[in-house]
Amino acid sequence: MTTRAVVIGCGHYLPSRVVENAEFEATLDTNDEWIRSRSGIERRHFASEGETTSSMATAAAKAALKDAGLEADDVDAIVLATSTADFIFPSAATMVQDQLGMTRGYAFDVQAVCAGFVFALSNANALIVSGQAKRVMVIGAETFSKIMDWTDRSTCVLFGDGAGAVLLEAQDGTGDASDRGILATDLNSDGRHRELLYVDGGVSTGTTGYLRMQGNQVFRHAVGKLAATATTAMERAGIAPQDVDWIVPHQANIRIIQGTAKKLGLPMENVVVTVQDHGNTSAASIPLALSVGRERGQIKAGDMIVTEAIGGGLAWGAVVLRW
């Protein structure tokens, strides 16, 4: 028998404050048509006063626990993907552990920016396959509204806040692509491209900073790298594109999503798209899309899913799983 990390619960949280594109027209040289045509984004959610990455992550995790019919102490570990933790330390994951009332196990953060949830899923899968945990809560949560330069129309209109979570459980499989759970992963990074997407401040530099991005260059890398990592993960899982029910991509830009689907030879009808309502929520975007996609009735038990993401670093990767 083969041990598989199977999704047994999922959930998400979005702040109540919804910001439509038109709100930016009062302070920036932009408009709704300009933002939609370049990104596909129509609105996004921003955290309200007092809402933090850990509080949103906790809400998403509670939703996933409720979905699975389990309690916090049924979980062995929490892996939280974020670039916007509440504090330098402790980790946001340990804060979620406390807020859930989880009195056992362990928790840690993963930082791979927009690719964070893919990296977190891969790490959680390794913990389960190696026998170090039976159940792992995997969360993506971000408050990117806190690191925006509100004078830069090329970046501040693109990002939003939110959180999503999936609960993984060790289950026996046969070892082939008919199994439920994570079937294959592929992770990559290349630090030579770090200046394409970064925050220009940090602890060791003694500064605070804002998100900076060379959008055209990121786009140039994104489609090719996303299609390549998805293809590698599918090959490792022993499946072909025609076996895929849903691509659930990082929700950064509709043109990147469309370009990647085309390169993989899959129609947009097989892609879960939420970017219009959430904007780019970085590490939260894939678990948000998974939860919303299931809520819509798109994702069903037994569906073959490919997730892929690219973010600052550059870091990118993909996970193939059967729901």
C-alpha atoms as a PDB file:
ATOM      1  CA  MET A   1       0.000   0.000   0.000  1.00  0.00           C
ATOM      2  CA  THR A   2       1.019   3.613  -0.589  1.00  0.00           C
ATOM      3  CA  THR A   3       0.329   6.431   1.857  1.00  0.00           C
ATOM      4  CA  ARG A   4      -1.477   9.385   0.275  1.00  0.00           C
ATOM      5  CA  ALA A   5      -2.220  12.845   1.686  1.00  0.00           C
ATOM      6  CA  VAL A   6      -5.950  13.204   0.996  1.00  0.00           C
ATOM      7  CA  VAL A   7      -8.014  16.383   1.282  1.00  0.00           C
ATOM      8  CA  ILE A   8     -10.776  15.749   3.835  1.00  0.00           C
ATOM      9  CA  GLY A   9     -11.850  19.346   4.448  1.00  0.00           C
ATOM     10  CA  CYS A  10     -11.496  22.835   3.045  1.00  0.00           C
ATOM     11  CA  GLY A  11     -12.612  26.353   3.832  1.00  0.00           C
ATOM     12  CA  HIS A  12     -11.858  30.004   3.269  1.00  0.00           C
ATOM     13  CA  TYR A  13     -12.265  33.482   4.680  1.00  0.00           C
ATOM     14  CA  LEU A  14     -12.579  36.844   2.955  1.00  0.00           C
ATOM     15  CA  PRO A  15     -12.680  40.212   4.733  1.00  0.00           C
ATOM     16  CA  SER A  16     -16.034  41.997   4.584  1.00  0.00           C
ATOM     17  CA  ARG A  17     -14.549  45.129   3.005  1.00  0.00           C
ATOM     18  CA  VAL A  18     -14.942  44.857  -0.780  1.00  0.00           C
ATOM     19  CA  VAL A  19     -13.030  47.364  -2.917  1.00  0.00           C
ATOM     20  CA  GLU A  20     -14.311  47.830  -6.457  1.00  0.00           C
ATOM     21  CA  ASN A  21     -11.974  49.071  -9.195  1.00  0.00           C
ATOM     22  CA  ALA A  22     -13.795  52.392  -9.323  1.00  0.00           C
ATOM     23  CA  GLU A  23     -12.559  53.276  -5.820  1.00  0.00           C
ATOM     24  CA  PHE A  24      -9.049  53.791  -7.177  1.00  0.00           C
ATOM     25  CA  GLU A  25     -10.178  56.444  -9.652  1.00  0.00           C
ATOM     26  CA  ALA A  26     -10.204  59.145  -6.956  1.00  0.00           C
ATOM     27  CA  THR A  27      -6.492  58.747  -6.121  1.00  0.00           C
ATOM     28  CA  LEU A  28      -4.848  57.191  -9.182  1.00  0.00           C
ATOM     29  CA  ASP A  29      -4.686  57.768 -12.924  1.00  0.00           C
ATOM     30  CA  THR A  30      -6.649  54.598 -13.617  1.00  0.00           C
ATOM     31  CA  ASN A  31     -10.168  53.315 -14.159  1.00  0.00           C
ATOM     32  CA  ASP A  32     -12.208  50.139 -14.092  1.00  0.00           C
ATOM     33  CA  GLU A  33     -11.695  49.372 -17.794  1.00  0.00           C
ATOM     34  CA  TRP A  34      -7.908  49.801 -17.549  1.00  0.00           C
ATOM     35  CA  ILE A  35      -7.652  47.412 -14.587  1.00  0.00           C
ATOM     36  CA  ARG A  36     -10.028  44.804 -16.046  1.00  0.00           C
ATOM     37  CA  SER A  37      -8.403  44.769 -19.472  1.00  0.00           C
ATOM     38  CA  ARG A  38      -4.920  44.209 -18.067  1.00  0.00           C
ATOM     39  CA  SER A  39      -5.651  41.849 -15.197  1.00  0.00           C
ATOM     40  CA  GLY A  40      -9.235  40.595 -15.280  1.00  0.00           C
ATOM     41  CA  ILE A  41      -9.709  41.954 -11.744  1.00  0.00           C
ATOM     42  CA  GLU A  42     -13.012  43.646 -10.911  1.00  0.00           C
ATOM     43  CA  ARG A  43     -12.814  43.835  -7.121  1.00  0.00           C
ATOM     44  CA  ARG A  44     -10.816  42.631  -4.154  1.00  0.00           C
ATOM     45  CA  HIS A  45     -11.179  42.329  -0.366  1.00  0.00           C
ATOM     46  CA  PHE A  46      -9.092  44.343   2.114  1.00  0.00           C
ATOM     47  CA  ALA A  47      -8.623  43.469   5.767  1.00  0.00           C
ATOM     48  CA  SER A  48     -10.466  45.745   8.163  1.00  0.00           C
ATOM     49  CA  GLU A  49      -8.973  47.356  11.259  1.00  0.00           C
ATOM     50  CA  GLY A  50      -7.878  44.592  13.613  1.00  0.00           C
ATOM     51  CA  GLU A  51      -7.935  41.834  11.005  1.00  0.00           C
ATOM     52  CA  THR A  52      -4.577  40.121  10.596  1.00  0.00           C
ATOM     53  CA  THR A  53      -3.089  37.290   8.617  1.00  0.00           C
ATOM     54  CA  SER A  54      -3.354  34.954  11.608  1.00  0.00           C
ATOM     55  CA  SER A  55      -6.978  35.867  12.366  1.00  0.00           C
ATOM     56  CA  MET A  56      -8.003  35.265   8.743  1.00  0.00           C
ATOM     57  CA  ALA A  57      -5.994  32.025   8.636  1.00  0.00           C
ATOM     58  CA  THR A  58      -7.726  30.866  11.809  1.00  0.00           C
ATOM     59  CA  ALA A  59     -11.157  31.535  10.310  1.00  0.00           C
ATOM     60  CA  ALA A  60     -10.273  29.537   7.180  1.00  0.00           C
ATOM     61  CA  ALA A  61      -8.858  26.681   9.289  1.00  0.00           C
ATOM     62  CA  LYS A  62     -12.009  26.573  11.429  1.00  0.00           C
ATOM     63  CA  ALA A  63     -14.074  26.307   8.264  1.00  0.00           C
ATOM     64  CA  ALA A  64     -11.907  23.415   7.051  1.00  0.00           C
ATOM     65  CA  LEU A  65     -12.224  21.637  10.413  1.00  0.00           C
ATOM     66  CA  LYS A  66     -15.998  22.051  10.344  1.00  0.00           C
ATOM     67  CA  ASP A  67     -16.066  20.715   6.785  1.00  0.00           C
ATOM     68  CA  ALA A  68     -14.094  17.648   7.905  1.00  0.00           C
ATOM     69  CA  GLY A  69     -16.134  17.167  11.080  1.00  0.00           C
ATOM     70  CA  LEU A  70     -13.006  17.285  13.251  1.00  0.00           C
ATOM     71  CA  GLU A  71     -11.637  19.267  16.193  1.00  0.00           C
ATOM     72  CA  ALA A  72      -8.378  21.201  16.481  1.00  0.00           C
ATOM     73  CA  ASP A  73      -6.653  18.497  18.526  1.00  0.00           C
ATOM     74  CA  ASP A  74      -7.347  15.952  15.779  1.00  0.00           C
ATOM     75  CA  VAL A  75      -4.669  17.815  13.772  1.00  0.00           C
ATOM     76  CA  ASP A  76      -0.970  16.971  14.120  1.00  0.00           C
ATOM     77  CA  ALA A  77       0.543  19.952  12.321  1.00  0.00           C
ATOM     78  CA  ILE A  78      -0.162  23.305  10.717  1.00  0.00           C
ATOM     79  CA  VAL A  79       1.794  24.562   7.702  1.00  0.00           C
ATOM     80  CA  LEU A  80       0.932  28.172   6.891  1.00  0.00           C
ATOM     81  CA  ALA A  81       2.064  29.841   3.678  1.00  0.00           C
ATOM     82  CA  THR A  82       2.383  33.616   3.988  1.00  0.00           C
ATOM     83  CA  SER A  83       4.653  36.560   3.229  1.00  0.00           C
ATOM     84  CA  THR A  84       2.704  38.880   5.535  1.00  0.00           C
ATOM     85  CA  ALA A  85       2.801  37.284   8.980  1.00  0.00           C
ATOM     86  CA  ASP A  86       1.549  39.377  11.904  1.00  0.00           C
ATOM     87  CA  PHE A  87       5.022  39.609  13.449  1.00  0.00           C
ATOM     88  CA  ILE A  88       8.631  38.856  12.553  1.00  0.00           C
ATOM     89  CA  PHE A  89       8.215  36.082  15.103  1.00  0.00           C
ATOM     90  CA  PRO A  90       6.517  34.033  16.409  1.00  0.00           C
ATOM     91  CA  SER A  91       5.258  32.399  13.246  1.00  0.00           C
ATOM     92  CA  ALA A  92       1.690  33.076  12.188  1.00  0.00           C
ATOM     93  CA  ALA A  93       1.159  29.306  12.228  1.00  0.00           C
ATOM     94  CA  THR A  94       1.777  29.060  15.974  1.00  0.00           C
ATOM     95  CA  MET A  95      -0.649  31.948  16.488  1.00  0.00           C
ATOM     96  CA  VAL A  96      -3.261  30.009  14.534  1.00  0.00           C
ATOM     97  CA  GLN A  97      -2.474  26.936  16.625  1.00  0.00           C
ATOM     98  CA  ASP A  98      -3.276  28.957  19.744  1.00  0.00           C
ATOM     99  CA  GLN A  99      -6.383  30.606  18.276  1.00  0.00           C
ATOM    100  CA  LEU A 100      -7.755  27.207  17.257  1.00  0.00           C
ATOM    101  CA  GLY A 101      -7.212  25.866  20.776  1.00  0.00           C
ATOM    102  CA  MET A 102      -4.835  23.214  19.431  1.00  0.00           C
ATOM    103  CA  THR A 103      -2.777  21.994  22.416  1.00  0.00           C
ATOM    104  CA  ARG A 104      -0.588  19.414  20.664  1.00  0.00           C
ATOM    105  CA  GLY A 105       1.485  18.947  17.531  1.00  0.00           C
ATOM    106  CA  TYR A 106       3.537  21.626  15.807  1.00  0.00           C
ATOM    107  CA  ALA A 107       3.144  24.576  13.466  1.00  0.00           C
ATOM    108  CA  PHE A 108       5.387  26.573  11.146  1.00  0.00           C
ATOM    109  CA  ASP A 109       5.290  29.112   8.318  1.00  0.00           C
ATOM    110  CA  VAL A 110       6.461  28.682   4.724  1.00  0.00           C
ATOM    111  CA  GLN A 111       7.508  31.742   2.716  1.00  0.00           C
ATOM    112  CA  ALA A 112       7.523  31.387  -1.060  1.00  0.00           C
ATOM    113  CA  VAL A 113       5.331  34.415  -1.836  1.00  0.00           C
ATOM    114  CA  CYS A 114       2.645  33.601  -4.442  1.00  0.00           C
ATOM    115  CA  ALA A 115       3.946  30.041  -4.774  1.00  0.00           C
ATOM    116  CA  GLY A 116       3.703  29.592  -1.009  1.00  0.00           C
ATOM    117  CA  PHE A 117       0.655  27.344  -0.928  1.00  0.00           C
ATOM    118  CA  VAL A 118       2.142  24.935  -3.477  1.00  0.00           C
ATOM    119  CA  PHE A 119       5.332  24.776  -1.389  1.00  0.00           C
ATOM    120  CA  ALA A 120       3.274  24.294   1.798  1.00  0.00           C
ATOM    121  CA  LEU A 121       1.226  21.483   0.208  1.00  0.00           C
ATOM    122  CA  SER A 122       4.415  19.752  -0.889  1.00  0.00           C
ATOM    123  CA  ASN A 123       5.908  20.014   2.610  1.00  0.00           C
ATOM    124  CA  ALA A 124       2.691  18.780   4.227  1.00  0.00           C
ATOM    125  CA  ASN A 125       2.607  15.859   1.797  1.00  0.00           C
ATOM    126  CA  ALA A 126       6.179  14.954   2.776  1.00  0.00           C
ATOM    127  CA  LEU A 127       5.271  15.035   6.471  1.00  0.00           C
ATOM    128  CA  ILE A 128       2.370  12.658   5.881  1.00  0.00           C
ATOM    129  CA  VAL A 129       4.142  10.285   3.489  1.00  0.00           C
ATOM    130  CA  SER A 130       7.130  10.028   5.852  1.00  0.00           C
ATOM    131  CA  GLY A 131       4.881   9.238   8.801  1.00  0.00           C
ATOM    132  CA  GLN A 132       5.636  12.390  10.779  1.00  0.00           C
ATOM    133  CA  ALA A 133       1.988  13.441  10.810  1.00  0.00           C
ATOM    134  CA  LYS A 134      -1.407  11.864  10.156  1.00  0.00           C
ATOM    135  CA  ARG A 135      -3.346  15.090   9.645  1.00  0.00           C
ATOM    136  CA  VAL A 136      -1.937  18.435   8.493  1.00  0.00           C
ATOM    137  CA  MET A 137      -3.781  21.718   8.124  1.00  0.00           C
ATOM    138  CA  VAL A 138      -2.365  23.620   5.148  1.00  0.00           C
ATOM    139  CA  ILE A 139      -3.249  27.310   5.010  1.00  0.00           C
ATOM    140  CA  GLY A 140      -2.510  30.196   2.673  1.00  0.00           C
ATOM    141  CA  ALA A 141      -3.215  33.637   4.168  1.00  0.00           C
ATOM    142  CA  GLU A 142      -2.153  37.160   3.235  1.00  0.00           C
ATOM    143  CA  THR A 143      -2.721  40.825   4.044  1.00  0.00           C
ATOM    144  CA  PHE A 144      -0.973  42.279   1.004  1.00  0.00           C
ATOM    145  CA  SER A 145      -2.894  45.530   1.467  1.00  0.00           C
ATOM    146  CA  LYS A 146      -0.346  46.308   4.206  1.00  0.00           C
ATOM    147  CA  ILE A 147       2.624  46.343   1.812  1.00  0.00           C
ATOM    148  CA  MET A 148       1.160  48.325  -1.085  1.00  0.00           C
ATOM    149  CA  ASP A 149       2.506  51.617  -2.413  1.00  0.00           C
ATOM    150  CA  TRP A 150      -0.809  53.396  -2.962  1.00  0.00           C
ATOM    151  CA  THR A 151       0.789  55.779  -5.469  1.00  0.00           C
ATOM    152  CA  ASP A 152       1.863  52.941  -7.798  1.00  0.00           C
ATOM    153  CA  ARG A 153      -1.066  52.088 -10.072  1.00  0.00           C
ATOM    154  CA  SER A 154       0.837  49.190 -11.634  1.00  0.00           C
ATOM    155  CA  THR A 155       0.790  47.194  -8.378  1.00  0.00           C
ATOM    156  CA  CYS A 156      -1.673  48.468  -5.785  1.00  0.00           C
ATOM    157  CA  VAL A 157      -4.764  47.682  -7.887  1.00  0.00           C
ATOM    158  CA  LEU A 158      -3.768  44.037  -8.331  1.00  0.00           C
ATOM    159  CA  PHE A 159      -3.635  42.604  -4.825  1.00  0.00           C
ATOM    160  CA  GLY A 160      -6.113  41.637  -2.128  1.00  0.00           C
ATOM    161  CA  ASP A 161      -6.398  39.941   1.254  1.00  0.00           C
ATOM    162  CA  GLY A 162      -7.865  36.611   2.296  1.00  0.00           C
ATOM    163  CA  ALA A 163      -7.209  33.079   3.483  1.00  0.00           C
ATOM    164  CA  GLY A 164      -7.919  29.515   2.439  1.00  0.00           C
ATOM    165  CA  ALA A 165      -7.203  26.150   4.058  1.00  0.00           C
ATOM    166  CA  VAL A 166      -7.276  22.444   3.299  1.00  0.00           C
ATOM    167  CA  LEU A 167      -6.997  19.621   5.806  1.00  0.00           C
ATOM    168  CA  LEU A 168      -4.943  16.647   4.653  1.00  0.00           C
ATOM    169  CA  GLU A 169      -5.158  13.152   6.128  1.00  0.00           C
ATOM    170  CA  ALA A 170      -2.996  10.069   5.632  1.00  0.00           C
ATOM    171  CA  GLN A 171      -4.938   7.350   3.813  1.00  0.00           C
ATOM    172  CA  ASP A 172      -3.924   4.145   2.105  1.00  0.00           C
ATOM    173  CA  GLY A 173      -3.739   4.120  -1.683  1.00  0.00           C
ATOM    174  CA  THR A 174      -2.744   1.636  -4.359  1.00  0.00           C
ATOM    175  CA  GLY A 175       0.145   3.723  -5.663  1.00  0.00           C
ATOM    176  CA  ASP A 176      -1.312   4.668  -9.032  1.00  0.00           C
ATOM    177  CA  ALA A 177      -3.184   7.666 -10.443  1.00  0.00           C
ATOM    178  CA  SER A 178      -6.551   6.257  -9.363  1.00  0.00           C
ATOM    179  CA  ASP A 179      -5.737   7.125  -5.744  1.00  0.00           C
ATOM    180  CA  ARG A 180      -7.290  10.095  -4.005  1.00  0.00           C
ATOM    181  CA  GLY A 181      -4.867  12.643  -2.564  1.00  0.00           C
ATOM    182  CA  ILE A 182      -1.618  14.238  -3.666  1.00  0.00           C
ATOM    183  CA  LEU A 183      -0.133  12.251  -6.532  1.00  0.00           C
ATOM    184  CA  ALA A 184       2.899  14.381  -7.445  1.00  0.00           C
ATOM    185  CA  THR A 185       4.625  17.695  -6.776  1.00  0.00           C
ATOM    186  CA  ASP A 186       7.231  19.847  -8.493  1.00  0.00           C
ATOM    187  CA  LEU A 187       9.051  22.780  -6.854  1.00  0.00           C
ATOM    188  CA  ASN A 188      11.492  25.277  -8.368  1.00  0.00           C
ATOM    189  CA  SER A 189      13.211  28.589  -7.648  1.00  0.00           C
ATOM    190  CA  ASP A 190      15.769  30.878  -9.263  1.00  0.00           C
ATOM    191  CA  GLY A 191      17.133  33.700  -7.114  1.00  0.00           C
ATOM    192  CA  ARG A 192      18.705  35.430 -10.117  1.00  0.00           C
ATOM    193  CA  HIS A 193      15.271  36.891 -10.849  1.00  0.00           C
ATOM    194  CA  ARG A 194      14.561  38.248  -7.365  1.00  0.00           C
ATOM    195  CA  GLU A 195      14.418  41.872  -8.541  1.00  0.00           C
ATOM    196  CA  LEU A 196      11.398  41.184 -10.737  1.00  0.00           C
ATOM    197  CA  LEU A 197       9.070  40.930  -7.725  1.00  0.00           C
ATOM    198  CA  TYR A 198      10.104  41.904  -4.209  1.00  0.00           C
ATOM    199  CA  VAL A 199       9.504  44.153  -1.200  1.00  0.00           C
ATOM    200  CA  ASP A 200      12.149  46.845  -0.911  1.00  0.00           C
ATOM    201  CA  GLY A 201      12.716  46.588   2.839  1.00  0.00           C
ATOM    202  CA  GLY A 202      13.321  44.122   5.643  1.00  0.00           C
ATOM    203  CA  VAL A 203      14.692  43.508   9.108  1.00  0.00           C
ATOM    204  CA  SER A 204      18.386  43.112   8.291  1.00  0.00           C
ATOM    205  CA  THR A 205      18.359  46.206   6.072  1.00  0.00           C
ATOM    206  CA  GLY A 206      16.794  48.277   8.832  1.00  0.00           C
ATOM    207  CA  THR A 207      14.007  49.509   6.545  1.00  0.00           C
ATOM    208  CA  THR A 208      10.352  48.913   5.851  1.00  0.00           C
ATOM    209  CA  GLY A 209       9.257  48.629   2.283  1.00  0.00           C
ATOM    210  CA  TYR A 210       6.592  48.221  -0.357  1.00  0.00           C
ATOM    211  CA  LEU A 211       5.941  45.650  -3.030  1.00  0.00           C
ATOM    212  CA  ARG A 212       7.788  46.326  -6.288  1.00  0.00           C
ATOM    213  CA  MET A 213       7.190  44.454  -9.521  1.00  0.00           C
ATOM    214  CA  GLN A 214       8.368  44.482 -13.109  1.00  0.00           C
ATOM    215  CA  GLY A 215       5.052  43.249 -14.430  1.00  0.00           C
ATOM    216  CA  ASN A 216       6.051  42.659 -18.051  1.00  0.00           C
ATOM    217  CA  GLN A 217       9.079  40.603 -17.024  1.00  0.00           C
ATOM    218  CA  VAL A 218       7.072  38.561 -14.514  1.00  0.00           C
ATOM    219  CA  PHE A 219       4.496  37.841 -17.222  1.00  0.00           C
ATOM    220  CA  ARG A 220       7.263  36.753 -19.601  1.00  0.00           C
ATOM    221  CA  HIS A 221       8.495  34.164 -17.108  1.00  0.00           C
ATOM    222  CA  ALA A 222       5.113  33.118 -15.772  1.00  0.00           C
ATOM    223  CA  VAL A 223       3.366  31.333 -18.627  1.00  0.00           C
ATOM    224  CA  GLY A 224       6.337  29.215 -19.668  1.00  0.00           C
ATOM    225  CA  LYS A 225       7.384  28.270 -16.140  1.00  0.00           C
ATOM    226  CA  LEU A 226       3.836  27.489 -15.018  1.00  0.00           C
ATOM    227  CA  ALA A 227       3.133  25.262 -18.004  1.00  0.00           C
ATOM    228  CA  ALA A 228       6.470  23.502 -17.561  1.00  0.00           C
ATOM    229  CA  THR A 229       6.036  22.789 -13.842  1.00  0.00           C
ATOM    230  CA  ALA A 230       2.460  21.592 -14.372  1.00  0.00           C
ATOM    231  CA  THR A 231       3.653  19.270 -17.147  1.00  0.00           C
ATOM    232  CA  THR A 232       6.433  17.872 -14.945  1.00  0.00           C
ATOM    233  CA  ALA A 233       4.037  17.229 -12.059  1.00  0.00           C
ATOM    234  CA  MET A 234       1.550  15.514 -14.389  1.00  0.00           C
ATOM    235  CA  GLU A 235       4.274  13.305 -15.820  1.00  0.00           C
ATOM    236  CA  ARG A 236       5.342  12.305 -12.301  1.00  0.00           C
ATOM    237  CA  ALA A 237       1.717  11.492 -11.470  1.00  0.00           C
ATOM    238  CA  GLY A 238       1.399   9.396 -14.629  1.00  0.00           C
ATOM    239  CA  ILE A 239      -1.388  11.463 -16.145  1.00  0.00           C
ATOM    240  CA  ALA A 240      -1.888  13.483 -19.336  1.00  0.00           C
ATOM    241  CA  PRO A 241      -3.611  16.866 -19.788  1.00  0.00           C
ATOM    242  CA  GLN A 242      -6.786  15.160 -21.005  1.00  0.00           C
ATOM    243  CA  ASP A 243      -7.033  13.415 -17.607  1.00  0.00           C
ATOM    244  CA  VAL A 244      -7.320  16.752 -15.787  1.00  0.00           C
ATOM    245  CA  ASP A 245     -10.764  17.865 -14.630  1.00  0.00           C
ATOM    246  CA  TRP A 246      -9.664  21.226 -13.233  1.00  0.00           C
ATOM    247  CA  ILE A 247      -6.673  23.496 -13.293  1.00  0.00           C
ATOM    248  CA  VAL A 248      -6.749  25.600 -10.134  1.00  0.00           C
ATOM    249  CA  PRO A 249      -4.039  28.181 -10.797  1.00  0.00           C
ATOM    250  CA  HIS A 250      -2.586  31.015  -8.807  1.00  0.00           C
ATOM    251  CA  GLN A 251      -5.035  33.853  -9.411  1.00  0.00           C
ATOM    252  CA  ALA A 252      -2.679  36.673 -10.420  1.00  0.00           C
ATOM    253  CA  ASN A 253      -3.776  37.801 -13.857  1.00  0.00           C
ATOM    254  CA  ILE A 254      -6.387  36.447 -16.266  1.00  0.00           C
ATOM    255  CA  ARG A 255      -3.977  36.699 -19.208  1.00  0.00           C
ATOM    256  CA  ILE A 256      -1.421  34.505 -17.400  1.00  0.00           C
ATOM    257  CA  ILE A 257      -4.175  32.021 -16.527  1.00  0.00           C
ATOM    258  CA  GLN A 258      -5.401  31.939 -20.134  1.00  0.00           C
ATOM    259  CA  GLY A 259      -1.888  31.681 -21.558  1.00  0.00           C
ATOM    260  CA  THR A 260      -0.961  28.781 -19.290  1.00  0.00           C
ATOM    261  CA  ALA A 261      -4.157  26.871 -20.061  1.00  0.00           C
ATOM    262  CA  LYS A 262      -3.556  27.327 -23.789  1.00  0.00           C
ATOM    263  CA  LYS A 263       0.034  26.107 -23.480  1.00  0.00           C
ATOM    264  CA  LEU A 264      -1.202  23.022 -21.633  1.00  0.00           C
ATOM    265  CA  GLY A 265      -3.832  22.425 -24.324  1.00  0.00           C
ATOM    266  CA  LEU A 266      -6.768  22.763 -21.932  1.00  0.00           C
ATOM    267  CA  PRO A 267      -9.877  24.929 -22.443  1.00  0.00           C
ATOM    268  CA  MET A 268     -10.794  27.679 -19.995  1.00  0.00           C
ATOM    269  CA  GLU A 269     -13.923  25.648 -19.182  1.00  0.00           C
ATOM    270  CA  ASN A 270     -11.575  23.407 -17.183  1.00  0.00           C
ATOM    271  CA  VAL A 271     -10.035  26.279 -15.183  1.00  0.00           C
ATOM    272  CA  VAL A 272     -11.332  27.548 -11.845  1.00  0.00           C
ATOM    273  CA  VAL A 273     -11.150  31.364 -12.037  1.00  0.00           C
ATOM    274  CA  THR A 274     -11.692  33.676  -9.052  1.00  0.00           C
ATOM    275  CA  VAL A 275      -9.274  36.507  -9.889  1.00  0.00           C
ATOM    276  CA  GLN A 276     -12.145  38.809 -10.871  1.00  0.00           C
ATOM    277  CA  ASP A 277     -13.508  38.782  -7.312  1.00  0.00           C
ATOM    278  CA  HIS A 278     -10.375  38.429  -5.175  1.00  0.00           C
ATOM    279  CA  GLY A 279      -7.488  39.963  -7.099  1.00  0.00           C
ATOM    280  CA  ASN A 280      -4.070  38.472  -6.390  1.00  0.00           C
ATOM    281  CA  THR A 281      -4.117  37.141  -2.819  1.00  0.00           C
ATOM    282  CA  SER A 282      -0.643  35.618  -3.176  1.00  0.00           C
ATOM    283  CA  ALA A 283      -0.295  32.399  -1.117  1.00  0.00           C
ATOM    284  CA  ALA A 284      -4.029  32.491  -0.314  1.00  0.00           C
ATOM    285  CA  SER A 285      -5.191  32.420  -3.923  1.00  0.00           C
ATOM    286  CA  ILE A 286      -5.089  28.670  -4.655  1.00  0.00           C
ATOM    287  CA  PRO A 287      -6.775  27.490  -1.429  1.00  0.00           C
ATOM    288  CA  LEU A 288      -9.350  30.276  -1.861  1.00  0.00           C
ATOM    289  CA  ALA A 289     -10.025  29.077  -5.406  1.00  0.00           C
ATOM    290  CA  LEU A 290     -10.236  25.440  -4.281  1.00  0.00           C
ATOM    291  CA  SER A 291     -12.765  26.271  -1.577  1.00  0.00           C
ATOM    292  CA  VAL A 292     -14.809  28.608  -3.777  1.00  0.00           C
ATOM    293  CA  GLY A 293     -14.664  26.128  -6.680  1.00  0.00           C
ATOM    294  CA  ARG A 294     -16.082  23.393  -4.499  1.00  0.00           C
ATOM    295  CA  GLU A 295     -18.685  25.791  -3.091  1.00  0.00           C
ATOM    296  CA  ARG A 296     -19.789  26.593  -6.664  1.00  0.00           C
ATOM    297  CA  GLY A 297     -20.189  22.900  -7.420  1.00  0.00           C
ATOM    298  CA  GLN A 298     -17.282  22.823  -9.852  1.00  0.00           C
ATOM    299  CA  ILE A 299     -14.892  20.633  -7.843  1.00  0.00           C
ATOM    300  CA  LYS A 300     -16.286  17.234  -6.836  1.00  0.00           C
ATOM    301  CA  ALA A 301     -14.954  14.110  -5.160  1.00  0.00           C
ATOM    302  CA  GLY A 302     -12.730  12.143  -7.510  1.00  0.00           C
ATOM    303  CA  ASP A 303     -11.817  15.096  -9.729  1.00  0.00           C
ATOM    304  CA  MET A 304      -8.229  15.314 -10.974  1.00  0.00           C
ATOM    305  CA  ILE A 305      -6.787  18.721 -10.124  1.00  0.00           C
ATOM    306  CA  VAL A 306      -3.596  20.513 -11.103  1.00  0.00           C
ATOM    307  CA  THR A 307      -2.542  23.553  -9.085  1.00  0.00           C
ATOM    308  CA  GLU A 308       0.339  25.770 -10.202  1.00  0.00           C
ATOM    309  CA  ALA A 309       1.789  29.077  -9.026  1.00  0.00           C
ATOM    310  CA  ILE A 310       4.716  31.447  -9.475  1.00  0.00           C
ATOM    311  CA  GLY A 311       5.846  34.246  -7.201  1.00  0.00           C
ATOM    312  CA  GLY A 312       8.724  36.330  -5.927  1.00  0.00           C
ATOM    313  CA  GLY A 313      12.070  34.608  -5.728  1.00  0.00           C
ATOM    314  CA  LEU A 314      11.337  33.663  -8.402  1.00  0.00           C
ATOM    315  CA  ALA A 315       9.711  30.554  -6.953  1.00  0.00           C
ATOM    316  CA  TRP A 316       7.251  28.321  -8.788  1.00  0.00           C
ATOM    317  CA  GLY A 317       5.747  24.864  -8.643  1.00  0.00           C
ATOM    318  CA  ALA A 318       2.776  22.574  -9.148  1.00  0.00           C
ATOM    319  CA  VAL A 319       0.828  19.881  -7.322  1.00  0.00           C
ATOM    320  CA  VAL A 320      -1.345  17.165  -8.868  1.00  0.00           C
ATOM    321  CA  LEU A 321      -4.046  15.736  -6.629  1.00  0.00           C
ATOM    322  CA  ARG A 322      -7.255  13.783  -6.883  1.00  0.00           C
ATOM    323  CA  TRP A 323      -9.979  15.417  -4.789  1.00  0.00           C
END
